Amino acid sequence: MLNTVYRDAIKKREEARSIFKGEKFDQIIKTAKENWLEYTPQKKDSDIAGIDSSYNSTKFQGLELWVVTGVSIKSDGQIITETHNQGLGQPTPELETQASRMEVEACVNSVDKAELVILDGSLYSQFLTRQAALGSSITTAIKKRNNVIFISKTSSARNYFGKLGSVAGDIFYYNHAVKRPGFSKIFVDNSLGPGKVVSYVYARLRDSTPLIKIELLGSDHNENEIKLLLDMITKNSVGGYPYSLKLAHENCKITNSDLARLVSLYGLGNEVGSREVLN
């Protein structure tokens, strides 16, 4: 079976390579370069809080051991808020929704305690969660001081180059087009309706560091605002990524090793399924 798969891959190799070359690719790269605004951020002292959540679970013949955590932490290691939930059985609501709720609660508790609040991930995910109340809560928190943004390292959005026939996400083409620090022209997305307008840019803090996607609520944003945000983020960044978000991720992540310890603490070490966690 695998030999057939390999032979098919060889046949399709040239088709796959066309994504990286050809007239269409060159046109998109040209447009990406035209959309890019070169800017070298100036380090600005800022009090920044990073927010992230994590969840993991393992199953034992119908039983599910699960845990969800959320944290808001500053670049100096000061924790603003941390919370968790865990259980044995079917998680209600689902883990992703619980994690979103923790992030929103952390945001509400952080907006008055930091100059800038950064949530890991996408504002879209907050709006598209199954609990509509979360979307309302996050917009209220953001509008309180207008100091909340969302940052992610990956994106599949194709709003910039979709009309040009792009196959990959916009971030893919910006990564190939530019290596210098700066940001893309602001894209305003009204597709989610009134009150849920999302503006975003792709940005690079330093030469050849990975791109990040920065999302903001509303349409009334300008290039000077983006430059200020980059100045604030750059002061405490590692490899082109905000250090507060790195700390948040490290403080809340639930690994398989953590699950294995919970399995032991719950006395489930002899149940079928526990070995999968321990290995």
Protein backbone atom coordinates (compact mmCIF):
# COMPACT_ATOMS: atom_id res chain seq x y z
CA MET A 1 0.00 0.00 0.00
CA LEU A 2 2.72 2.49 0.97
CA ASN A 3 4.62 1.79 -2.26
CA THR A 4 1.52 2.85 -4.20
CA VAL A 5 1.29 6.02 -2.13
CA TYR A 6 4.94 6.83 -2.78
CA ARG A 7 4.59 6.29 -6.55
CA ASP A 8 1.54 8.55 -6.61
CA ALA A 9 3.46 11.22 -4.68
CA ILE A 10 6.26 11.14 -7.27
CA LYS A 11 3.70 11.65 -10.05
CA LYS A 12 2.18 14.61 -8.24
CA ARG A 13 5.51 16.17 -7.26
CA GLU A 14 5.60 18.65 -10.12
CA GLU A 15 2.00 19.67 -9.43
CA ALA A 16 2.93 20.31 -5.80
CA ARG A 17 6.02 22.29 -6.79
CA SER A 18 3.84 24.61 -8.87
CA ILE A 19 2.67 26.11 -5.59
CA PHE A 20 6.18 27.52 -5.16
CA LYS A 21 6.78 28.71 -8.72
CA GLY A 22 5.06 29.90 -11.84
CA GLU A 23 3.24 33.00 -13.04
CA LYS A 24 0.51 32.87 -10.39
CA PHE A 25 3.01 32.46 -7.56
CA ASP A 26 5.16 35.31 -8.90
CA GLN A 27 2.13 37.59 -9.15
CA ILE A 28 1.12 36.90 -5.54
CA ILE A 29 4.68 37.46 -4.30
CA LYS A 30 4.81 40.77 -6.19
CA THR A 31 1.53 41.85 -4.60
CA ALA A 32 2.74 40.75 -1.15
CA LYS A 33 5.84 42.91 -1.51
CA GLU A 34 3.68 45.88 -2.53
CA ASN A 35 1.44 45.33 0.52
CA TRP A 36 4.40 45.21 2.92
CA LEU A 37 5.32 48.30 4.93
CA GLU A 38 8.91 48.14 6.14
CA TYR A 39 9.27 49.27 9.72
CA THR A 40 11.97 48.55 12.29
CA PRO A 41 10.28 48.59 15.72
CA GLN A 42 11.75 50.86 18.37
CA LYS A 43 11.87 49.12 21.75
CA LYS A 44 9.34 50.71 24.11
CA ASP A 45 9.02 49.85 27.80
CA SER A 46 5.57 48.36 28.26
CA ASP A 47 3.64 46.50 30.92
CA ILE A 48 2.35 43.50 28.96
CA ALA A 49 0.20 40.56 30.05
CA GLY A 50 0.03 37.35 28.04
CA ILE A 51 -2.97 35.02 28.19
CA ASP A 52 -3.16 31.39 27.12
CA SER A 53 -5.08 28.21 27.94
CA SER A 54 -4.47 24.50 27.59
CA TYR A 55 -6.40 21.27 27.84
CA ASN A 56 -5.72 17.55 27.58
CA SER A 57 -7.49 14.30 28.32
CA THR A 58 -7.23 10.54 28.21
CA LYS A 59 -9.92 7.87 28.03
CA PHE A 60 -10.47 4.64 29.95
CA GLN A 61 -13.20 2.58 28.21
CA GLY A 62 -15.87 5.25 28.36
CA LEU A 63 -14.39 7.30 31.21
CA GLU A 64 -12.44 10.43 30.34
CA LEU A 65 -9.92 12.08 32.64
CA TRP A 66 -9.60 15.70 31.59
CA VAL A 67 -8.02 18.95 32.73
CA VAL A 68 -8.23 22.55 31.52
CA THR A 69 -6.01 25.46 32.61
CA GLY A 70 -5.80 29.17 31.88
CA VAL A 71 -3.35 31.88 32.91
CA SER A 72 -2.58 35.58 32.56
CA ILE A 73 1.05 36.45 33.26
CA LYS A 74 3.32 39.45 32.75
CA SER A 75 6.73 39.48 31.09
CA ASP A 76 8.43 39.68 34.50
CA GLY A 77 6.70 36.47 35.64
CA GLN A 78 4.01 38.14 37.76
CA ILE A 79 0.80 36.10 37.53
CA ILE A 80 -2.36 38.18 37.29
CA THR A 81 -4.74 35.26 37.34
CA GLU A 82 -4.66 31.48 36.95
CA THR A 83 -7.48 28.97 36.98
CA HIS A 84 -8.14 25.32 36.20
CA ASN A 85 -10.84 22.70 36.01
CA GLN A 86 -10.57 18.91 35.92
CA GLY A 87 -12.76 15.88 36.20
CA LEU A 88 -13.44 12.23 35.45
CA GLY A 89 -16.26 11.64 33.01
CA GLN A 90 -17.69 13.56 30.07
CA PRO A 91 -16.51 17.21 30.18
CA THR A 92 -19.39 19.69 30.06
CA PRO A 93 -19.12 22.01 28.30
CA GLU A 94 -16.51 20.64 25.90
CA LEU A 95 -12.86 21.34 26.72
CA GLU A 96 -12.32 23.89 23.96
CA THR A 97 -15.24 25.96 25.24
CA GLN A 98 -13.99 25.76 28.82
CA ALA A 99 -10.56 26.95 27.67
CA SER A 100 -12.12 29.87 25.78
CA ARG A 101 -14.10 30.84 28.86
CA MET A 102 -10.93 30.84 30.98
CA GLU A 103 -9.17 33.08 28.47
CA VAL A 104 -12.06 35.53 28.47
CA GLU A 105 -12.17 35.60 32.28
CA ALA A 106 -8.41 36.14 32.38
CA CYS A 107 -8.78 39.00 29.90
CA VAL A 108 -11.51 40.66 31.97
CA ASN A 109 -9.26 40.45 35.03
CA SER A 110 -6.21 41.80 33.18
CA VAL A 111 -7.31 44.86 31.20
CA ASP A 112 -6.94 47.18 34.20
CA LYS A 113 -3.68 45.60 35.37
CA ALA A 114 -1.54 45.87 32.23
CA GLU A 115 -0.80 48.43 29.55
CA LEU A 116 -1.30 45.81 26.84
CA VAL A 117 -3.08 42.45 27.04
CA ILE A 118 -2.19 39.80 24.45
CA LEU A 119 -4.26 36.66 23.97
CA ASP A 120 -2.69 33.68 22.25
CA GLY A 121 -4.67 32.62 19.21
CA SER A 122 -7.43 34.25 17.21
CA LEU A 123 -10.29 36.61 17.96
CA TYR A 124 -12.28 34.66 15.38
CA SER A 125 -12.25 31.58 17.62
CA GLN A 126 -13.81 33.59 20.45
CA PHE A 127 -16.61 34.80 18.17
CA LEU A 128 -17.22 31.38 16.64
CA THR A 129 -17.35 29.43 19.90
CA ARG A 130 -20.61 27.64 20.65
CA GLN A 131 -21.30 29.90 23.64
CA ALA A 132 -22.41 33.26 22.23
CA ALA A 133 -22.03 34.89 25.65
CA LEU A 134 -18.26 34.53 25.39
CA GLY A 135 -18.20 36.71 22.29
CA SER A 136 -20.13 39.41 24.10
CA SER A 137 -17.84 39.20 27.14
CA ILE A 138 -14.65 39.51 25.12
CA THR A 139 -15.88 42.52 23.15
CA THR A 140 -16.89 44.24 26.41
CA ALA A 141 -13.45 43.56 27.87
CA ILE A 142 -11.68 44.83 24.76
CA LYS A 143 -13.72 48.03 24.56
CA LYS A 144 -13.11 48.90 28.21
CA ARG A 145 -9.61 50.25 27.55
CA ASN A 146 -8.93 49.23 23.96
CA ASN A 147 -5.72 47.54 25.06
CA VAL A 148 -6.41 43.93 24.01
CA ILE A 149 -4.98 42.21 20.93
CA PHE A 150 -4.70 38.64 19.66
CA ILE A 151 -1.48 37.14 18.30
CA SER A 152 -0.92 33.83 16.52
CA LYS A 153 2.02 32.23 14.74
CA THR A 154 -0.04 30.44 12.10
CA SER A 155 -3.04 31.33 9.96
CA SER A 156 -4.95 29.74 7.08
CA ALA A 157 -6.74 32.99 6.12
CA ARG A 158 -6.62 33.83 2.40
CA ASN A 159 -8.28 37.24 2.39
CA TYR A 160 -5.30 39.09 0.90
CA PHE A 161 -4.52 36.83 -2.04
CA GLY A 162 -7.56 34.60 -2.46
CA LYS A 163 -8.73 36.60 -5.47
CA LEU A 164 -5.36 35.97 -7.12
CA GLY A 165 -5.91 32.22 -6.91
CA SER A 166 -3.75 31.54 -3.88
CA VAL A 167 -3.55 27.93 -2.71
CA ALA A 168 -1.89 28.47 0.67
CA GLY A 169 -2.72 30.96 3.40
CA ASP A 170 -1.67 34.62 3.08
CA ILE A 171 1.04 34.15 5.71
CA PHE A 172 2.74 31.59 3.45
CA TYR A 173 3.23 34.15 0.67
CA TYR A 174 4.34 36.95 2.99
CA ASN A 175 6.94 34.58 4.41
CA HIS A 176 8.32 33.99 0.91
CA ALA A 177 8.06 37.61 -0.20
CA VAL A 178 9.73 39.55 2.62
CA LYS A 179 12.34 38.97 5.30
CA ARG A 180 12.64 42.51 6.62
CA PRO A 181 10.77 43.73 9.73
CA GLY A 182 7.49 45.54 9.21
CA PHE A 183 3.85 44.69 8.63
CA SER A 184 1.25 44.16 5.92
CA LYS A 185 -1.43 46.66 5.05
CA ILE A 186 -4.36 46.45 7.44
CA PHE A 187 -7.11 44.08 6.33
CA VAL A 188 -10.61 44.73 7.68
CA ASP A 189 -12.91 41.69 7.78
CA ASN A 190 -16.65 42.44 8.11
CA SER A 191 -17.78 38.89 7.37
CA LEU A 192 -18.93 38.11 10.92
CA GLY A 193 -21.38 41.01 11.00
CA PRO A 194 -21.83 44.21 13.04
CA GLY A 195 -19.97 44.32 16.34
CA LYS A 196 -17.64 41.52 15.25
CA VAL A 197 -15.40 43.33 12.77
CA VAL A 198 -11.82 42.03 12.88
CA SER A 199 -8.83 44.01 11.59
CA TYR A 200 -5.50 42.28 11.24
CA VAL A 201 -1.96 42.47 9.90
CA TYR A 202 0.95 40.11 9.47
CA ALA A 203 4.09 41.44 11.11
CA ARG A 204 7.77 40.67 11.59
CA LEU A 205 9.63 42.18 14.54
CA ARG A 206 13.19 41.54 13.36
CA ASP A 207 15.03 40.38 10.24
CA SER A 208 14.23 36.77 9.28
CA THR A 209 12.17 36.02 12.40
CA PRO A 210 8.85 34.20 11.96
CA LEU A 211 5.79 36.19 11.01
CA ILE A 212 3.02 36.74 13.51
CA LYS A 213 -0.60 37.62 12.90
CA ILE A 214 -2.02 40.48 14.99
CA GLU A 215 -5.80 40.79 15.27
CA LEU A 216 -7.73 43.73 16.69
CA LEU A 217 -11.44 44.35 17.25
CA GLY A 218 -13.11 46.97 15.03
CA SER A 219 -12.23 48.85 11.87
CA ASP A 220 -10.88 52.14 13.26
CA HIS A 221 -7.18 51.23 13.31
CA ASN A 222 -4.30 52.86 11.48
CA GLU A 223 -0.65 52.27 10.63
CA ASN A 224 0.66 54.44 13.47
CA GLU A 225 -1.26 52.27 15.94
CA ILE A 226 0.31 49.14 14.47
CA LYS A 227 3.77 50.67 14.72
CA LEU A 228 3.18 51.49 18.40
CA LEU A 229 2.05 47.92 19.06
CA LEU A 230 5.18 46.55 17.42
CA ASP A 231 7.32 48.92 19.51
CA MET A 232 5.66 47.64 22.69
CA ILE A 233 5.89 43.96 21.76
CA THR A 234 9.51 44.11 20.58
CA LYS A 235 10.91 45.21 23.94
CA ASN A 236 10.15 41.84 25.49
CA SER A 237 10.20 39.33 22.65
CA VAL A 238 12.03 36.09 21.97
CA GLY A 239 12.60 34.96 18.39
CA GLY A 240 10.08 37.50 17.15
CA TYR A 241 7.37 36.36 19.58
CA PRO A 242 6.10 38.16 22.72
CA TYR A 243 7.81 36.79 25.82
CA SER A 244 4.65 37.14 27.93
CA LEU A 245 2.85 34.73 25.60
CA LYS A 246 5.74 32.30 25.79
CA LEU A 247 5.53 32.43 29.60
CA ALA A 248 1.75 31.97 29.48
CA HIS A 249 2.10 28.90 27.30
CA GLU A 250 4.77 27.35 29.50
CA ASN A 251 2.77 28.00 32.67
CA CYS A 252 -0.51 26.49 31.52
CA LYS A 253 0.35 23.68 29.11
CA ILE A 254 -0.86 20.20 30.07
CA THR A 255 1.51 17.55 28.72
CA ASN A 256 1.06 13.79 28.53
CA SER A 257 3.51 13.55 31.44
CA ASP A 258 1.19 15.75 33.48
CA LEU A 259 -1.72 13.51 32.53
CA ALA A 260 0.24 10.43 33.57
CA ARG A 261 0.76 11.92 37.02
CA LEU A 262 -2.95 12.74 37.28
CA VAL A 263 -3.77 9.15 36.30
CA SER A 264 -1.66 8.02 39.24
CA LEU A 265 -3.19 10.54 41.65
CA TYR A 266 -6.70 9.47 40.65
CA GLY A 267 -5.73 5.82 41.23
CA LEU A 268 -6.34 4.83 37.61
CA GLY A 269 -2.91 3.37 36.90
CA ASN A 270 -4.22 -0.17 36.49
CA GLU A 271 -7.12 0.73 34.20
CA VAL A 272 -7.03 -0.08 30.49
CA GLY A 273 -5.79 3.02 28.67
CA SER A 274 -3.48 4.27 31.39
CA ARG A 275 -0.41 2.74 29.71
CA GLU A 276 -1.05 4.87 26.62
CA VAL A 277 -0.50 7.97 28.72
CA LEU A 278 2.51 6.57 30.52
CA ASN A 279 4.36 5.54 27.34
